[in-house]
Amino acid sequence: MPSPECLQFISRWEGFSSTVYLCPAGIPTIGYGHAVKDGEVFPDSGITKEQGIALLDLDCMKAQRSIARLIKIPITDQQLTAITSFTFNLGSGALQRSSLRRVINRGEWASVRREWLKWVWAGGRRLPGLVRRRNAEIALFFNKNNIFS
């Protein structure tokens, strides 16, 4: 189950939209970055922030189940939050096929930053917001931004 700190960290990066919009990658999105799935229908009037948090919580639980399967070494709560943010934003498939996962699992800490920063593109463009988000995730992963104190 994602911690309140995890939900807060991700929601700050995602922002909130009560109605469906297309994210920079062209994916229909609502709430705090919830990718709308085929068959999901939301009222024209939109959703509340509470409903958005509920969707975020479910999406983060799904991401953390994938992380538990894919990351084979012990990680801290902050590292889990950083990897959850990455996985929530990019999807479990991205984590699974990434060289980032491999370097984390091998404990190759000097390579983590380089691999993490490969994931700053959306819709064929390098997005400054994704660069900032990836750097915040990296700082959190290496305990340079203690959200738990």
Protein backbone atom coordinates (compact mmCIF):
# COMPACT_ATOMS: atom_id res chain seq x y z
CA MET A 1 0.00 0.00 0.00
CA PRO A 2 1.48 3.37 -0.97
CA SER A 3 2.36 5.66 1.91
CA PRO A 4 0.74 9.08 2.27
CA GLU A 5 4.19 10.55 1.49
CA CYS A 6 4.33 8.56 -1.75
CA LEU A 7 0.89 9.80 -2.82
CA GLN A 8 1.86 13.37 -1.91
CA PHE A 9 5.15 13.18 -3.84
CA ILE A 10 3.47 11.89 -7.01
CA SER A 11 0.43 14.18 -6.80
CA ARG A 12 2.72 17.22 -6.67
CA TRP A 13 4.26 16.19 -10.00
CA GLU A 14 1.03 15.19 -11.64
CA GLY A 15 -1.22 18.05 -10.65
CA PHE A 16 -4.99 17.54 -10.71
CA SER A 17 -7.52 17.70 -13.52
CA SER A 18 -11.16 16.98 -12.80
CA THR A 19 -11.80 16.25 -16.48
CA VAL A 20 -10.10 14.08 -19.10
CA TYR A 21 -7.24 15.68 -21.04
CA LEU A 22 -4.43 14.42 -23.28
CA CYS A 23 -1.05 14.27 -21.55
CA PRO A 24 2.12 15.22 -23.50
CA ALA A 25 2.43 11.59 -24.64
CA GLY A 26 -1.11 11.77 -26.08
CA ILE A 27 -2.74 9.52 -23.45
CA PRO A 28 -6.20 10.41 -22.11
CA THR A 29 -5.66 11.28 -18.44
CA ILE A 30 -7.77 12.41 -15.46
CA GLY A 31 -7.28 13.17 -11.79
CA TYR A 32 -3.69 12.96 -10.61
CA GLY A 33 -2.21 11.41 -13.74
CA HIS A 34 -4.57 8.44 -14.06
CA ALA A 35 -4.31 7.03 -17.58
CA VAL A 36 -7.88 6.39 -18.73
CA LYS A 37 -8.29 2.76 -19.78
CA ASP A 38 -10.55 1.44 -22.52
CA GLY A 39 -14.07 1.20 -21.17
CA GLU A 40 -13.52 3.66 -18.31
CA VAL A 41 -16.12 6.41 -18.40
CA PHE A 42 -16.06 9.56 -16.30
CA PRO A 43 -18.90 12.08 -15.94
CA ASP A 44 -18.76 15.18 -18.13
CA SER A 45 -18.87 17.19 -14.91
CA GLY A 46 -15.58 15.58 -13.90
CA ILE A 47 -14.32 13.95 -10.71
CA THR A 48 -13.50 15.32 -7.26
CA LYS A 49 -10.02 15.55 -5.78
CA GLU A 50 -10.99 12.74 -3.41
CA GLN A 51 -11.88 10.52 -6.37
CA GLY A 52 -8.59 11.51 -7.98
CA ILE A 53 -6.67 10.45 -4.85
CA ALA A 54 -8.54 7.11 -4.85
CA LEU A 55 -7.47 6.51 -8.48
CA LEU A 56 -3.90 7.55 -7.63
CA ASP A 57 -3.86 5.13 -4.70
CA LEU A 58 -5.04 2.24 -6.91
CA ASP A 59 -2.53 3.10 -9.63
CA CYS A 60 0.31 3.29 -7.08
CA MET A 61 -0.69 -0.06 -5.57
CA LYS A 62 -0.46 -1.58 -9.06
CA ALA A 63 2.95 0.04 -9.61
CA GLN A 64 4.22 -1.24 -6.25
CA ARG A 65 3.08 -4.79 -7.03
CA SER A 66 5.21 -4.60 -10.18
CA ILE A 67 8.13 -3.15 -8.26
CA ALA A 68 7.93 -6.00 -5.73
CA ARG A 69 8.18 -8.44 -8.64
CA LEU A 70 10.93 -6.61 -10.56
CA ILE A 71 13.25 -5.14 -7.92
CA LYS A 72 15.08 -8.01 -6.29
CA ILE A 73 17.12 -6.16 -3.66
CA PRO A 74 15.96 -4.59 -0.38
CA ILE A 75 15.03 -0.91 -0.80
CA THR A 76 14.11 1.85 1.64
CA ASP A 77 10.71 3.54 1.82
CA GLN A 78 12.16 6.56 0.03
CA GLN A 79 13.62 4.41 -2.72
CA LEU A 80 10.24 2.72 -3.07
CA THR A 81 8.56 6.12 -3.42
CA ALA A 82 11.08 7.22 -6.06
CA ILE A 83 10.65 4.02 -8.08
CA THR A 84 6.86 4.16 -7.63
CA SER A 85 6.82 7.68 -9.07
CA PHE A 86 8.89 6.49 -12.05
CA THR A 87 6.70 3.41 -12.59
CA PHE A 88 3.44 5.33 -12.12
CA ASN A 89 4.56 7.89 -14.70
CA LEU A 90 5.97 5.49 -17.30
CA GLY A 91 4.25 2.17 -16.63
CA SER A 92 5.41 -1.20 -15.35
CA GLY A 93 6.58 -2.25 -18.79
CA ALA A 94 9.06 0.63 -18.87
CA LEU A 95 10.50 -0.44 -15.53
CA GLN A 96 10.63 -4.07 -16.61
CA ARG A 97 12.56 -3.43 -19.81
CA SER A 98 14.73 -0.62 -18.45
CA SER A 99 18.44 -0.73 -17.86
CA LEU A 100 17.60 1.28 -14.72
CA ARG A 101 16.00 -1.83 -13.19
CA ARG A 102 19.07 -3.87 -14.04
CA VAL A 103 21.55 -1.43 -12.48
CA ILE A 104 19.44 -1.13 -9.32
CA ASN A 105 19.20 -4.90 -9.00
CA ARG A 106 22.97 -5.20 -9.43
CA GLY A 107 23.63 -2.40 -6.93
CA GLU A 108 25.49 -0.35 -9.54
CA TRP A 109 24.77 2.94 -7.79
CA ALA A 110 27.13 5.02 -9.94
CA SER A 111 25.01 4.17 -13.01
CA VAL A 112 21.56 4.85 -11.53
CA ARG A 113 21.46 8.60 -12.29
CA ARG A 114 22.50 8.14 -15.93
CA GLU A 115 19.92 5.40 -16.51
CA TRP A 116 17.13 7.29 -14.70
CA LEU A 117 17.70 10.42 -16.79
CA LYS A 118 17.12 8.50 -20.03
CA TRP A 119 13.39 8.72 -19.26
CA VAL A 120 12.69 12.41 -19.91
CA TRP A 121 10.99 12.13 -23.30
CA ALA A 122 7.28 12.24 -24.15
CA GLY A 123 5.67 12.62 -27.53
CA GLY A 124 9.12 12.66 -29.13
CA ARG A 125 10.23 15.70 -27.10
CA ARG A 126 12.57 16.13 -24.14
CA LEU A 127 10.34 17.76 -21.53
CA PRO A 128 11.84 20.10 -18.89
CA GLY A 129 9.15 18.99 -16.42
CA LEU A 130 10.22 15.37 -16.79
CA VAL A 131 13.87 16.35 -16.31
CA ARG A 132 12.89 18.07 -13.04
CA ARG A 133 10.77 15.10 -11.95
CA ARG A 134 13.49 12.54 -12.73
CA ASN A 135 16.06 14.64 -10.80
CA ALA A 136 13.68 14.82 -7.81
CA GLU A 137 13.16 11.03 -7.97
CA ILE A 138 16.93 10.50 -8.10
CA ALA A 139 17.47 12.82 -5.12
CA LEU A 140 14.80 10.94 -3.19
CA PHE A 141 16.27 7.57 -4.18
CA PHE A 142 19.66 8.64 -2.83
CA ASN A 143 18.10 10.18 0.31
CA LYS A 144 19.04 13.75 -0.62
CA ASN A 145 15.46 14.98 -0.25
CA ASN A 146 14.08 13.42 2.91
CA ILE A 147 10.30 13.64 2.59
CA PHE A 148 9.87 11.45 5.66
CA SER A 149 11.44 13.79 8.24
